[in-house]
Amino acid sequence: MNYVIESFIVGIYSIILCSITSNFIKNIYLLLFLIGFLKHLFGFIFNIHTLYCNYGYACEKNYNSKYAIYSNKIWIESIIEGILYLFLGTILHKFIKNKIIVFFVIGVILHIVFEILNVHKSFCKNRCV
């Protein structure tokens, strides 16, 4: 799958999480962090990362992910993604007032940046076993 298409799917995934949680969380900064955190964590819980290992643009072969949910790395990665959402969202929210669009743009931008920085290739090498 092309990473631009993947980026739009990640943006839509971010919108879905925002739509579900924004009814309960009114603080935009907490919401930004929470969406980034949950996006990454739920990727493991719901095996979205396994799909990425099998069909993602950055992964050269088909793999099956066996990365354990209880691993400390998933929690640390989820916190880092939450912080990235908070940082980027704080900047974007000053220019874009619609939070749904903000979350979509964050998802797209981060996915493309991770592709450019080869974070996804590293993910495939280290997580897709």
C-alpha atoms as a PDB file:
ATOM      1  CA  MET A   1       0.000   0.000   0.000  1.00  0.00           C
ATOM      2  CA  ASN A   2       1.263   3.492  -0.793  1.00  0.00           C
ATOM      3  CA  TYR A   3       2.303   5.509   2.269  1.00  0.00           C
ATOM      4  CA  VAL A   4       0.185   8.510   1.169  1.00  0.00           C
ATOM      5  CA  ILE A   5      -2.916   6.301   1.225  1.00  0.00           C
ATOM      6  CA  GLU A   6      -1.770   4.872   4.560  1.00  0.00           C
ATOM      7  CA  SER A   7      -1.434   8.435   5.873  1.00  0.00           C
ATOM      8  CA  PHE A   8      -5.040   9.249   4.972  1.00  0.00           C
ATOM      9  CA  ILE A   9      -6.199   6.059   6.676  1.00  0.00           C
ATOM     10  CA  VAL A  10      -4.251   7.065   9.804  1.00  0.00           C
ATOM     11  CA  GLY A  11      -5.882  10.506   9.612  1.00  0.00           C
ATOM     12  CA  ILE A  12      -9.335   8.913   9.476  1.00  0.00           C
ATOM     13  CA  TYR A  13      -8.396   6.611  12.377  1.00  0.00           C
ATOM     14  CA  SER A  14      -7.443   9.733  14.377  1.00  0.00           C
ATOM     15  CA  ILE A  15     -10.809  11.339  13.530  1.00  0.00           C
ATOM     16  CA  ILE A  16     -12.661   8.244  14.734  1.00  0.00           C
ATOM     17  CA  LEU A  17     -10.788   8.255  18.045  1.00  0.00           C
ATOM     18  CA  CYS A  18     -11.401  11.992  18.409  1.00  0.00           C
ATOM     19  CA  SER A  19     -15.109  11.594  17.714  1.00  0.00           C
ATOM     20  CA  ILE A  20     -15.426   8.905  20.372  1.00  0.00           C
ATOM     21  CA  THR A  21     -13.389  10.593  23.110  1.00  0.00           C
ATOM     22  CA  SER A  22     -14.168  14.289  22.581  1.00  0.00           C
ATOM     23  CA  ASN A  23     -17.612  13.849  24.144  1.00  0.00           C
ATOM     24  CA  PHE A  24     -15.903  12.944  27.424  1.00  0.00           C
ATOM     25  CA  ILE A  25     -12.732  15.065  27.299  1.00  0.00           C
ATOM     26  CA  LYS A  26     -13.244  18.798  26.821  1.00  0.00           C
ATOM     27  CA  ASN A  27      -9.665  19.971  27.455  1.00  0.00           C
ATOM     28  CA  ILE A  28      -8.019  20.150  24.018  1.00  0.00           C
ATOM     29  CA  TYR A  29      -4.512  19.503  25.364  1.00  0.00           C
ATOM     30  CA  LEU A  30      -5.551  16.396  27.253  1.00  0.00           C
ATOM     31  CA  LEU A  31      -7.515  15.271  24.203  1.00  0.00           C
ATOM     32  CA  LEU A  32      -4.487  15.737  21.927  1.00  0.00           C
ATOM     33  CA  PHE A  33      -2.268  13.647  24.176  1.00  0.00           C
ATOM     34  CA  LEU A  34      -4.938  11.003  24.733  1.00  0.00           C
ATOM     35  CA  ILE A  35      -5.665  10.519  21.021  1.00  0.00           C
ATOM     36  CA  GLY A  36      -1.966  10.108  20.195  1.00  0.00           C
ATOM     37  CA  PHE A  37      -1.541   7.683  23.078  1.00  0.00           C
ATOM     38  CA  LEU A  38      -4.658   5.649  22.279  1.00  0.00           C
ATOM     39  CA  LYS A  39      -3.938   5.605  18.545  1.00  0.00           C
ATOM     40  CA  HIS A  40      -0.665   3.836  19.127  1.00  0.00           C
ATOM     41  CA  LEU A  41      -1.877   1.602  21.970  1.00  0.00           C
ATOM     42  CA  PHE A  42      -5.042   0.490  20.154  1.00  0.00           C
ATOM     43  CA  GLY A  43      -2.922  -0.255  17.092  1.00  0.00           C
ATOM     44  CA  PHE A  44      -1.414  -3.089  19.096  1.00  0.00           C
ATOM     45  CA  ILE A  45      -4.535  -4.122  20.966  1.00  0.00           C
ATOM     46  CA  PHE A  46      -6.650  -4.391  17.793  1.00  0.00           C
ATOM     47  CA  ASN A  47      -3.804  -5.858  15.680  1.00  0.00           C
ATOM     48  CA  ILE A  48      -3.675  -2.862  13.336  1.00  0.00           C
ATOM     49  CA  HIS A  49       0.120  -3.043  13.547  1.00  0.00           C
ATOM     50  CA  THR A  50      -0.028  -6.648  12.377  1.00  0.00           C
ATOM     51  CA  LEU A  51      -1.863  -5.454   9.267  1.00  0.00           C
ATOM     52  CA  TYR A  52       0.845  -2.863   8.776  1.00  0.00           C
ATOM     53  CA  CYS A  53       3.528  -5.558   9.120  1.00  0.00           C
ATOM     54  CA  ASN A  54       1.794  -7.639   6.480  1.00  0.00           C
ATOM     55  CA  TYR A  55       0.721  -4.948   4.019  1.00  0.00           C
ATOM     56  CA  GLY A  56       2.454  -1.693   4.988  1.00  0.00           C
ATOM     57  CA  TYR A  57       4.491   0.233   2.456  1.00  0.00           C
ATOM     58  CA  ALA A  58       7.600   0.275   4.661  1.00  0.00           C
ATOM     59  CA  CYS A  59       7.610  -3.486   5.283  1.00  0.00           C
ATOM     60  CA  GLU A  60       9.307  -5.348   2.462  1.00  0.00           C
ATOM     61  CA  LYS A  61       8.131  -8.843   3.391  1.00  0.00           C
ATOM     62  CA  ASN A  62       5.042 -10.335   4.962  1.00  0.00           C
ATOM     63  CA  TYR A  63       5.493 -10.844   8.672  1.00  0.00           C
ATOM     64  CA  ASN A  64       3.357 -11.672  11.658  1.00  0.00           C
ATOM     65  CA  SER A  65       3.664  -9.360  14.633  1.00  0.00           C
ATOM     66  CA  LYS A  66       4.129 -11.019  17.991  1.00  0.00           C
ATOM     67  CA  TYR A  67       4.955  -7.901  19.982  1.00  0.00           C
ATOM     68  CA  ALA A  68       3.548  -8.314  23.472  1.00  0.00           C
ATOM     69  CA  ILE A  69       0.999  -5.794  24.758  1.00  0.00           C
ATOM     70  CA  TYR A  70       2.551  -5.932  28.209  1.00  0.00           C
ATOM     71  CA  SER A  71       5.948  -4.826  26.947  1.00  0.00           C
ATOM     72  CA  ASN A  72       7.231  -1.553  28.390  1.00  0.00           C
ATOM     73  CA  LYS A  73       8.107  -0.400  24.871  1.00  0.00           C
ATOM     74  CA  ILE A  74       4.490  -0.128  23.771  1.00  0.00           C
ATOM     75  CA  TRP A  75       3.680   2.133  26.725  1.00  0.00           C
ATOM     76  CA  ILE A  76       6.726   4.312  26.095  1.00  0.00           C
ATOM     77  CA  GLU A  77       5.982   4.521  22.351  1.00  0.00           C
ATOM     78  CA  SER A  78       2.350   5.407  23.106  1.00  0.00           C
ATOM     79  CA  ILE A  79       3.431   8.173  25.481  1.00  0.00           C
ATOM     80  CA  ILE A  80       5.848   9.531  22.871  1.00  0.00           C
ATOM     81  CA  GLU A  81       3.116   9.523  20.232  1.00  0.00           C
ATOM     82  CA  GLY A  82       0.800  11.277  22.688  1.00  0.00           C
ATOM     83  CA  ILE A  83       3.441  13.958  23.243  1.00  0.00           C
ATOM     84  CA  LEU A  84       3.902  14.368  19.473  1.00  0.00           C
ATOM     85  CA  TYR A  85       0.136  14.784  19.034  1.00  0.00           C
ATOM     86  CA  LEU A  86       0.113  17.339  21.852  1.00  0.00           C
ATOM     87  CA  PHE A  87       3.035  19.310  20.393  1.00  0.00           C
ATOM     88  CA  LEU A  88       1.826  19.324  16.793  1.00  0.00           C
ATOM     89  CA  GLY A  89      -1.821  19.786  17.787  1.00  0.00           C
ATOM     90  CA  THR A  90      -1.026  22.811  19.956  1.00  0.00           C
ATOM     91  CA  ILE A  91       0.574  24.484  16.950  1.00  0.00           C
ATOM     92  CA  LEU A  92      -2.116  23.469  14.446  1.00  0.00           C
ATOM     93  CA  HIS A  93      -4.997  24.376  16.770  1.00  0.00           C
ATOM     94  CA  LYS A  94      -3.873  28.021  16.642  1.00  0.00           C
ATOM     95  CA  PHE A  95      -4.480  28.056  12.866  1.00  0.00           C
ATOM     96  CA  ILE A  96      -7.258  25.486  12.452  1.00  0.00           C
ATOM     97  CA  LYS A  97     -10.190  25.787  14.855  1.00  0.00           C
ATOM     98  CA  ASN A  98     -11.993  22.605  13.797  1.00  0.00           C
ATOM     99  CA  LYS A  99     -10.556  19.855  16.007  1.00  0.00           C
ATOM    100  CA  ILE A 100     -11.659  17.068  13.645  1.00  0.00           C
ATOM    101  CA  ILE A 101      -9.518  18.577  10.884  1.00  0.00           C
ATOM    102  CA  VAL A 102      -6.651  19.096  13.344  1.00  0.00           C
ATOM    103  CA  PHE A 103      -6.622  15.409  14.282  1.00  0.00           C
ATOM    104  CA  PHE A 104      -6.817  14.327  10.659  1.00  0.00           C
ATOM    105  CA  VAL A 105      -3.898  16.582   9.699  1.00  0.00           C
ATOM    106  CA  ILE A 106      -1.808  15.381  12.660  1.00  0.00           C
ATOM    107  CA  GLY A 107      -2.359  11.742  11.709  1.00  0.00           C
ATOM    108  CA  VAL A 108      -1.409  12.397   8.089  1.00  0.00           C
ATOM    109  CA  ILE A 109       1.630  14.544   8.894  1.00  0.00           C
ATOM    110  CA  LEU A 110       3.070  12.201  11.502  1.00  0.00           C
ATOM    111  CA  HIS A 111       2.642   9.159   9.281  1.00  0.00           C
ATOM    112  CA  ILE A 112       4.423  10.866   6.378  1.00  0.00           C
ATOM    113  CA  VAL A 113       7.188  12.202   8.644  1.00  0.00           C
ATOM    114  CA  PHE A 114       7.694   8.718  10.116  1.00  0.00           C
ATOM    115  CA  GLU A 115       8.001   7.342   6.578  1.00  0.00           C
ATOM    116  CA  ILE A 116      10.546  10.006   5.598  1.00  0.00           C
ATOM    117  CA  LEU A 117      12.592   9.420   8.780  1.00  0.00           C
ATOM    118  CA  ASN A 118      12.455   5.627   8.239  1.00  0.00           C
ATOM    119  CA  VAL A 119      10.741   5.089  11.596  1.00  0.00           C
ATOM    120  CA  HIS A 120       8.343   2.666   9.927  1.00  0.00           C
ATOM    121  CA  LYS A 121      11.191   0.667   8.367  1.00  0.00           C
ATOM    122  CA  SER A 122      12.741   0.383  11.817  1.00  0.00           C
ATOM    123  CA  PHE A 123       9.340  -0.673  13.168  1.00  0.00           C
ATOM    124  CA  CYS A 124       9.103  -3.396  10.518  1.00  0.00           C
ATOM    125  CA  LYS A 125      12.615  -4.611  11.233  1.00  0.00           C
ATOM    126  CA  ASN A 126      12.216  -4.685  15.024  1.00  0.00           C
ATOM    127  CA  ARG A 127       8.522  -5.453  15.571  1.00  0.00           C
ATOM    128  CA  CYS A 128       7.374  -7.589  12.665  1.00  0.00           C
ATOM    129  CA  VAL A 129       8.761 -11.022  13.432  1.00  0.00           C
END
